Amino acid sequence: MNPNMKRQRARPPDKGSFPLDHTGECKDHMLKYMSCLKENSSDHSQCRVLAKDYLQCRMECELMTKEEWGKLGYKDIEQENNNRREQIMVVGRISVAMTITIISVIVAIVSVVVATTSLISSVVVSVSTEK
């Protein structure tokens, strides 16, 4: 080392240790993220959802401390997920309402068909008895 250079102190990471995934519990998530980076010329903004999935896996496998997504820079993605869940719930409610409406229409049609069939039968019977 050059004597004129000052020695810099090493400092620990802000979030503590980041243990290696020796058992490969989150390897699939990591590989998807790395593949995304490769496909997008290392533009990490295109791979944020996959990065979040990888961090989620690490938190679930206790390979890192659980943190709020906002503190990790993923609050916007969490909000998007919440919005999607709400949309799915609304669509589900609409689907149920539409299904009930369709069933009601089918029941009404069947009732009309039964009434019409009954009417036709009675007309046929009355015509045949008149002969």
N, C-alpha and C. Protein backbone atom coordinates (compact mmCIF):
# COMPACT_ATOMS: atom_id res chain seq x y z
N MET A 1 0.85 -1.18 0.00
CA MET A 1 0.00 0.00 0.00
C MET A 1 0.89 1.23 0.00
N ASN A 2 0.47 2.22 -0.73
CA ASN A 2 1.18 3.48 -0.82
C ASN A 2 1.08 4.20 0.53
N PRO A 3 2.20 4.63 1.11
CA PRO A 3 2.15 5.28 2.43
C PRO A 3 1.40 6.61 2.41
N ASN A 4 1.27 7.22 1.25
CA ASN A 4 0.56 8.51 1.17
C ASN A 4 -0.96 8.35 1.14
N MET A 5 -1.43 7.13 0.92
CA MET A 5 -2.89 6.90 0.85
C MET A 5 -3.43 6.64 2.25
N LYS A 6 -4.59 7.20 2.53
CA LYS A 6 -5.24 6.96 3.81
C LYS A 6 -5.99 5.64 3.75
N ARG A 7 -5.97 4.97 4.84
CA ARG A 7 -6.67 3.70 4.92
C ARG A 7 -8.14 3.95 5.27
N GLN A 8 -9.05 3.36 4.48
CA GLN A 8 -10.47 3.53 4.75
C GLN A 8 -10.94 2.43 5.69
N ARG A 9 -11.81 2.81 6.56
CA ARG A 9 -12.39 1.85 7.49
C ARG A 9 -13.50 1.07 6.81
N ALA A 10 -13.50 -0.21 7.06
CA ALA A 10 -14.60 -1.04 6.56
C ALA A 10 -15.78 -0.83 7.49
N ARG A 11 -16.95 -0.77 6.90
CA ARG A 11 -18.14 -0.62 7.74
C ARG A 11 -19.14 -1.71 7.38
N PRO A 12 -19.90 -2.16 8.35
CA PRO A 12 -20.86 -3.25 8.09
C PRO A 12 -22.01 -2.77 7.20
N PRO A 13 -22.69 -3.70 6.56
CA PRO A 13 -23.84 -3.33 5.73
C PRO A 13 -24.93 -2.68 6.57
N ASP A 14 -25.72 -1.81 5.95
CA ASP A 14 -26.80 -1.11 6.65
C ASP A 14 -27.83 -2.06 7.25
N LYS A 15 -28.14 -3.12 6.57
CA LYS A 15 -29.19 -4.04 7.02
C LYS A 15 -28.64 -5.28 7.74
N GLY A 16 -27.41 -5.27 8.12
CA GLY A 16 -26.85 -6.43 8.80
C GLY A 16 -26.34 -7.46 7.82
N SER A 17 -26.25 -8.70 8.28
CA SER A 17 -25.68 -9.76 7.44
C SER A 17 -26.67 -10.19 6.36
N PHE A 18 -26.14 -10.74 5.31
CA PHE A 18 -26.94 -11.24 4.19
C PHE A 18 -26.40 -12.62 3.90
N PRO A 19 -26.81 -13.64 4.71
CA PRO A 19 -26.23 -14.98 4.60
C PRO A 19 -26.41 -15.59 3.21
N LEU A 20 -25.46 -16.42 2.84
CA LEU A 20 -25.55 -17.14 1.58
C LEU A 20 -26.66 -18.17 1.67
N ASP A 21 -27.25 -18.45 0.54
CA ASP A 21 -28.33 -19.43 0.45
C ASP A 21 -27.72 -20.79 0.14
N HIS A 22 -27.10 -21.41 1.14
CA HIS A 22 -26.37 -22.66 0.95
C HIS A 22 -27.26 -23.80 0.46
N THR A 23 -28.51 -23.82 0.89
CA THR A 23 -29.40 -24.92 0.51
C THR A 23 -30.17 -24.64 -0.78
N GLY A 24 -30.00 -23.45 -1.34
CA GLY A 24 -30.65 -23.11 -2.61
C GLY A 24 -32.15 -22.90 -2.51
N GLU A 25 -32.62 -22.50 -1.34
CA GLU A 25 -34.06 -22.31 -1.14
C GLU A 25 -34.63 -21.23 -2.06
N CYS A 26 -33.84 -20.23 -2.36
CA CYS A 26 -34.32 -19.11 -3.18
C CYS A 26 -33.60 -19.05 -4.53
N LYS A 27 -32.97 -20.14 -4.90
CA LYS A 27 -32.17 -20.16 -6.14
C LYS A 27 -33.03 -19.87 -7.37
N ASP A 28 -34.22 -20.46 -7.45
CA ASP A 28 -35.09 -20.22 -8.61
C ASP A 28 -35.41 -18.74 -8.77
N HIS A 29 -35.72 -18.08 -7.66
CA HIS A 29 -36.02 -16.64 -7.71
C HIS A 29 -34.80 -15.86 -8.17
N MET A 30 -33.63 -16.23 -7.65
CA MET A 30 -32.40 -15.55 -8.02
C MET A 30 -32.11 -15.73 -9.51
N LEU A 31 -32.28 -16.96 -10.01
CA LEU A 31 -32.00 -17.23 -11.42
C LEU A 31 -32.96 -16.47 -12.34
N LYS A 32 -34.22 -16.38 -11.95
CA LYS A 32 -35.19 -15.61 -12.74
C LYS A 32 -34.77 -14.14 -12.79
N TYR A 33 -34.36 -13.61 -11.65
CA TYR A 33 -33.92 -12.21 -11.58
C TYR A 33 -32.68 -11.99 -12.44
N MET A 34 -31.70 -12.88 -12.32
CA MET A 34 -30.46 -12.74 -13.09
C MET A 34 -30.75 -12.86 -14.59
N SER A 35 -31.64 -13.75 -14.96
CA SER A 35 -32.02 -13.92 -16.36
C SER A 35 -32.70 -12.65 -16.88
N CYS A 36 -33.54 -12.06 -16.06
CA CYS A 36 -34.21 -10.82 -16.44
C CYS A 36 -33.19 -9.70 -16.66
N LEU A 37 -32.21 -9.61 -15.76
CA LEU A 37 -31.16 -8.60 -15.93
C LEU A 37 -30.42 -8.80 -17.24
N LYS A 38 -30.12 -10.05 -17.55
CA LYS A 38 -29.40 -10.35 -18.79
C LYS A 38 -30.24 -9.97 -20.01
N GLU A 39 -31.52 -10.32 -19.98
CA GLU A 39 -32.41 -10.02 -21.10
C GLU A 39 -32.64 -8.53 -21.28
N ASN A 40 -32.51 -7.77 -20.21
CA ASN A 40 -32.79 -6.33 -20.25
C ASN A 40 -31.53 -5.48 -20.13
N SER A 41 -30.40 -6.02 -20.57
CA SER A 41 -29.11 -5.29 -20.57
C SER A 41 -28.82 -4.66 -19.21
N SER A 42 -29.05 -5.41 -18.16
CA SER A 42 -28.80 -5.01 -16.77
C SER A 42 -29.65 -3.82 -16.31
N ASP A 43 -30.75 -3.57 -16.99
CA ASP A 43 -31.68 -2.51 -16.56
C ASP A 43 -32.56 -3.09 -15.45
N HIS A 44 -32.14 -2.86 -14.21
CA HIS A 44 -32.82 -3.47 -13.07
C HIS A 44 -34.26 -2.99 -12.90
N SER A 45 -34.60 -1.82 -13.46
CA SER A 45 -35.97 -1.33 -13.32
C SER A 45 -36.97 -2.26 -14.00
N GLN A 46 -36.53 -3.00 -15.01
CA GLN A 46 -37.40 -3.94 -15.71
C GLN A 46 -37.61 -5.22 -14.90
N CYS A 47 -36.81 -5.40 -13.85
CA CYS A 47 -36.83 -6.66 -13.10
C CYS A 47 -37.20 -6.47 -11.63
N ARG A 48 -37.79 -5.33 -11.30
CA ARG A 48 -38.08 -5.02 -9.90
C ARG A 48 -39.00 -6.04 -9.24
N VAL A 49 -40.00 -6.49 -9.96
CA VAL A 49 -40.94 -7.46 -9.37
C VAL A 49 -40.21 -8.75 -9.03
N LEU A 50 -39.31 -9.18 -9.91
CA LEU A 50 -38.54 -10.41 -9.65
C LEU A 50 -37.58 -10.21 -8.48
N ALA A 51 -36.99 -9.02 -8.38
CA ALA A 51 -36.11 -8.73 -7.25
C ALA A 51 -36.90 -8.78 -5.95
N LYS A 52 -38.10 -8.22 -5.98
CA LYS A 52 -38.96 -8.24 -4.79
C LYS A 52 -39.32 -9.69 -4.42
N ASP A 53 -39.62 -10.50 -5.43
CA ASP A 53 -39.93 -11.91 -5.17
C ASP A 53 -38.74 -12.62 -4.52
N TYR A 54 -37.54 -12.30 -5.00
CA TYR A 54 -36.32 -12.90 -4.44
C TYR A 54 -36.15 -12.49 -2.98
N LEU A 55 -36.32 -11.21 -2.71
CA LEU A 55 -36.19 -10.74 -1.32
C LEU A 55 -37.28 -11.34 -0.44
N GLN A 56 -38.49 -11.48 -0.99
CA GLN A 56 -39.58 -12.11 -0.24
C GLN A 56 -39.20 -13.53 0.16
N CYS A 57 -38.64 -14.26 -0.79
CA CYS A 57 -38.20 -15.64 -0.51
C CYS A 57 -37.14 -15.64 0.59
N ARG A 58 -36.19 -14.74 0.50
CA ARG A 58 -35.12 -14.68 1.51
C ARG A 58 -35.70 -14.37 2.89
N MET A 59 -36.69 -13.49 2.93
CA MET A 59 -37.31 -13.17 4.22
C MET A 59 -38.07 -14.38 4.76
N GLU A 60 -38.82 -15.05 3.89
CA GLU A 60 -39.60 -16.22 4.33
C GLU A 60 -38.70 -17.36 4.79
N CYS A 61 -37.52 -17.48 4.19
CA CYS A 61 -36.58 -18.55 4.55
C CYS A 61 -35.61 -18.10 5.64
N GLU A 62 -35.88 -16.93 6.20
CA GLU A 62 -35.07 -16.36 7.28
C GLU A 62 -33.60 -16.20 6.88
N LEU A 63 -33.39 -15.84 5.62
CA LEU A 63 -32.04 -15.53 5.15
C LEU A 63 -31.77 -14.03 5.23
N MET A 64 -32.78 -13.29 5.60
CA MET A 64 -32.62 -11.87 5.87
C MET A 64 -33.75 -11.43 6.80
N THR A 65 -33.54 -10.31 7.44
CA THR A 65 -34.53 -9.78 8.36
C THR A 65 -35.75 -9.30 7.59
N LYS A 66 -36.94 -9.59 8.12
CA LYS A 66 -38.16 -9.11 7.47
C LYS A 66 -38.23 -7.60 7.61
N GLU A 67 -38.51 -6.95 6.49
CA GLU A 67 -38.62 -5.50 6.45
C GLU A 67 -39.90 -5.12 5.73
N GLU A 68 -40.36 -3.92 5.99
CA GLU A 68 -41.50 -3.39 5.24
C GLU A 68 -41.02 -3.07 3.84
N TRP A 69 -41.90 -3.30 2.86
CA TRP A 69 -41.50 -3.08 1.46
C TRP A 69 -41.13 -1.62 1.20
N GLY A 70 -41.78 -0.71 1.87
CA GLY A 70 -41.46 0.71 1.69
C GLY A 70 -40.03 1.02 2.08
N LYS A 71 -39.53 0.38 3.12
CA LYS A 71 -38.15 0.60 3.55
C LYS A 71 -37.15 0.01 2.58
N LEU A 72 -37.59 -0.96 1.78
CA LEU A 72 -36.70 -1.60 0.80
C LEU A 72 -36.88 -1.00 -0.59
N GLY A 73 -37.72 0.02 -0.70
CA GLY A 73 -37.91 0.68 -1.99
C GLY A 73 -38.94 0.02 -2.89
N TYR A 74 -39.82 -0.78 -2.31
CA TYR A 74 -40.82 -1.50 -3.10
C TYR A 74 -42.25 -1.15 -2.72
N LYS A 75 -42.46 0.00 -2.12
CA LYS A 75 -43.80 0.37 -1.70
C LYS A 75 -44.74 0.48 -2.90
N ASP A 76 -44.22 1.00 -4.02
CA ASP A 76 -45.06 1.15 -5.21
C ASP A 76 -45.53 -0.20 -5.74
N ILE A 77 -44.67 -1.20 -5.71
CA ILE A 77 -45.05 -2.53 -6.19
C ILE A 77 -46.09 -3.14 -5.25
N GLU A 78 -45.92 -2.94 -3.95
CA GLU A 78 -46.90 -3.46 -2.99
C GLU A 78 -48.25 -2.81 -3.22
N GLN A 79 -48.25 -1.50 -3.51
CA GLN A 79 -49.50 -0.79 -3.79
C GLN A 79 -50.15 -1.33 -5.06
N GLU A 80 -49.33 -1.59 -6.09
CA GLU A 80 -49.86 -2.18 -7.33
C GLU A 80 -50.49 -3.54 -7.06
N ASN A 81 -49.83 -4.35 -6.23
CA ASN A 81 -50.38 -5.67 -5.88
C ASN A 81 -51.71 -5.54 -5.15
N ASN A 82 -51.78 -4.57 -4.22
CA ASN A 82 -53.03 -4.35 -3.49
C ASN A 82 -54.14 -3.92 -4.45
N ASN A 83 -53.79 -3.03 -5.40
CA ASN A 83 -54.77 -2.57 -6.38
C ASN A 83 -55.26 -3.75 -7.24
N ARG A 84 -54.33 -4.63 -7.64
CA ARG A 84 -54.71 -5.80 -8.44
C ARG A 84 -55.64 -6.71 -7.65
N ARG A 85 -55.31 -6.92 -6.36
CA ARG A 85 -56.17 -7.76 -5.51
C ARG A 85 -57.58 -7.18 -5.43
N GLU A 86 -57.66 -5.85 -5.26
CA GLU A 86 -58.96 -5.20 -5.19
C GLU A 86 -59.72 -5.37 -6.51
N GLN A 87 -59.01 -5.21 -7.63
CA GLN A 87 -59.65 -5.37 -8.94
C GLN A 87 -60.16 -6.80 -9.11
N ILE A 88 -59.36 -7.77 -8.69
CA ILE A 88 -59.77 -9.18 -8.80
C ILE A 88 -61.01 -9.42 -7.95
N MET A 89 -61.04 -8.83 -6.75
CA MET A 89 -62.20 -9.01 -5.88
C MET A 89 -63.44 -8.39 -6.52
N VAL A 90 -63.28 -7.20 -7.13
CA VAL A 90 -64.42 -6.54 -7.77
C VAL A 90 -64.90 -7.38 -8.95
N VAL A 91 -63.96 -7.85 -9.77
CA VAL A 91 -64.32 -8.70 -10.91
C VAL A 91 -65.02 -9.96 -10.41
N GLY A 92 -64.53 -10.52 -9.32
CA GLY A 92 -65.15 -11.71 -8.75
C GLY A 92 -66.58 -11.43 -8.33
N ARG A 93 -66.80 -10.26 -7.68
CA ARG A 93 -68.15 -9.90 -7.27
C ARG A 93 -69.05 -9.70 -8.49
N ILE A 94 -68.50 -9.05 -9.52
CA ILE A 94 -69.27 -8.83 -10.75
C ILE A 94 -69.59 -10.18 -11.39
N SER A 95 -68.61 -11.07 -11.41
CA SER A 95 -68.83 -12.40 -11.99
C SER A 95 -69.93 -13.15 -11.26
N VAL A 96 -69.93 -13.07 -9.95
CA VAL A 96 -70.97 -13.74 -9.16
C VAL A 96 -72.33 -13.11 -9.47
N ALA A 97 -72.37 -11.78 -9.53
CA ALA A 97 -73.63 -11.10 -9.83
C ALA A 97 -74.13 -11.46 -11.22
N MET A 98 -73.21 -11.52 -12.19
CA MET A 98 -73.59 -11.88 -13.55
C MET A 98 -74.08 -13.33 -13.60
N THR A 99 -73.41 -14.21 -12.88
CA THR A 99 -73.82 -15.61 -12.85
C THR A 99 -75.23 -15.75 -12.28
N ILE A 100 -75.50 -15.03 -11.21
CA ILE A 100 -76.84 -15.06 -10.60
C ILE A 100 -77.87 -14.54 -11.59
N THR A 101 -77.53 -13.45 -12.28
CA THR A 101 -78.44 -12.88 -13.28
C THR A 101 -78.69 -13.88 -14.41
N ILE A 102 -77.64 -14.50 -14.90
CA ILE A 102 -77.78 -15.48 -15.98
C ILE A 102 -78.65 -16.65 -15.54
N ILE A 103 -78.42 -17.13 -14.32
CA ILE A 103 -79.23 -18.24 -13.80
C ILE A 103 -80.69 -17.81 -13.70
N SER A 104 -80.94 -16.59 -13.25
CA SER A 104 -82.32 -16.08 -13.14
C SER A 104 -82.97 -16.02 -14.51
N VAL A 105 -82.23 -15.58 -15.52
CA VAL A 105 -82.75 -15.51 -16.89
C VAL A 105 -83.06 -16.92 -17.39
N ILE A 106 -82.16 -17.86 -17.15
CA ILE A 106 -82.37 -19.25 -17.59
C ILE A 106 -83.61 -19.83 -16.92
N VAL A 107 -83.77 -19.58 -15.63
CA VAL A 107 -84.96 -20.07 -14.91
C VAL A 107 -86.22 -19.46 -15.52
N ALA A 108 -86.17 -18.17 -15.84
CA ALA A 108 -87.33 -17.52 -16.45
C ALA A 108 -87.64 -18.13 -17.81
N ILE A 109 -86.60 -18.38 -18.61
CA ILE A 109 -86.79 -18.99 -19.94
C ILE A 109 -87.38 -20.39 -19.80
N VAL A 110 -86.86 -21.17 -18.87
CA VAL A 110 -87.39 -22.52 -18.65
C VAL A 110 -88.85 -22.44 -18.23
N SER A 111 -89.18 -21.49 -17.37
CA SER A 111 -90.58 -21.33 -16.94
C SER A 111 -91.48 -21.01 -18.12
N VAL A 112 -91.01 -20.13 -19.01
CA VAL A 112 -91.78 -19.78 -20.20
C VAL A 112 -91.94 -21.00 -21.10
N VAL A 113 -90.87 -21.76 -21.28
CA VAL A 113 -90.93 -22.96 -22.12
C VAL A 113 -91.91 -23.97 -21.53
N VAL A 114 -91.87 -24.18 -20.24
CA VAL A 114 -92.78 -25.12 -19.58
C VAL A 114 -94.22 -24.64 -19.73
N ALA A 115 -94.45 -23.35 -19.51
CA ALA A 115 -95.80 -22.81 -19.65
C ALA A 115 -96.29 -22.94 -21.08
N THR A 116 -95.41 -22.64 -22.04
CA THR A 116 -95.78 -22.74 -23.45
C THR A 116 -96.07 -24.19 -23.82
N THR A 117 -95.24 -25.10 -23.36
CA THR A 117 -95.44 -26.53 -23.64
C THR A 117 -96.77 -26.99 -23.04
N SER A 118 -97.06 -26.55 -21.85
CA SER A 118 -98.31 -26.92 -21.19
C SER A 118 -99.50 -26.37 -21.97
N LEU A 119 -99.39 -25.13 -22.43
CA LEU A 119 -100.45 -24.51 -23.20
C LEU A 119 -100.66 -25.24 -24.52
N ILE A 120 -99.57 -25.56 -25.20
CA ILE A 120 -99.65 -26.29 -26.47
C ILE A 120 -100.28 -27.66 -26.25
N SER A 121 -99.89 -28.32 -25.18
CA SER A 121 -100.46 -29.65 -24.87
C SER A 121 -101.96 -29.55 -24.65
N SER A 122 -102.39 -28.54 -23.91
CA SER A 122 -103.82 -28.40 -23.64
C SER A 122 -104.58 -28.05 -24.91
N VAL A 123 -103.98 -27.26 -25.81
CA VAL A 123 -104.62 -26.94 -27.08
C VAL A 123 -104.74 -28.20 -27.93
N VAL A 124 -103.67 -28.98 -27.98
CA VAL A 124 -103.67 -30.22 -28.77
C VAL A 124 -104.73 -31.18 -28.22
N VAL A 125 -104.82 -31.29 -26.91
CA VAL A 125 -105.80 -32.18 -26.29
C VAL A 125 -107.20 -31.70 -26.61
N SER A 126 -107.45 -30.40 -26.51
CA SER A 126 -108.79 -29.88 -26.78
C SER A 126 -109.17 -30.02 -28.25
N VAL A 127 -108.20 -29.84 -29.14
CA VAL A 127 -108.47 -30.00 -30.57
C VAL A 127 -108.75 -31.46 -30.88
N SER A 128 -108.00 -32.35 -30.30
CA SER A 128 -108.19 -33.78 -30.58
C SER A 128 -109.48 -34.31 -29.95
N THR A 129 -109.95 -33.73 -28.86
CA THR A 129 -111.20 -34.17 -28.26
C THR A 129 -112.40 -33.62 -29.02
N GLU A 130 -112.23 -32.52 -29.71
CA GLU A 130 -113.31 -31.95 -30.49
C GLU A 130 -113.59 -32.77 -31.74
N LYS A 131 -112.63 -33.51 -32.21
CA LYS A 131 -112.80 -34.28 -33.45
C LYS A 131 -113.59 -35.48 -33.21
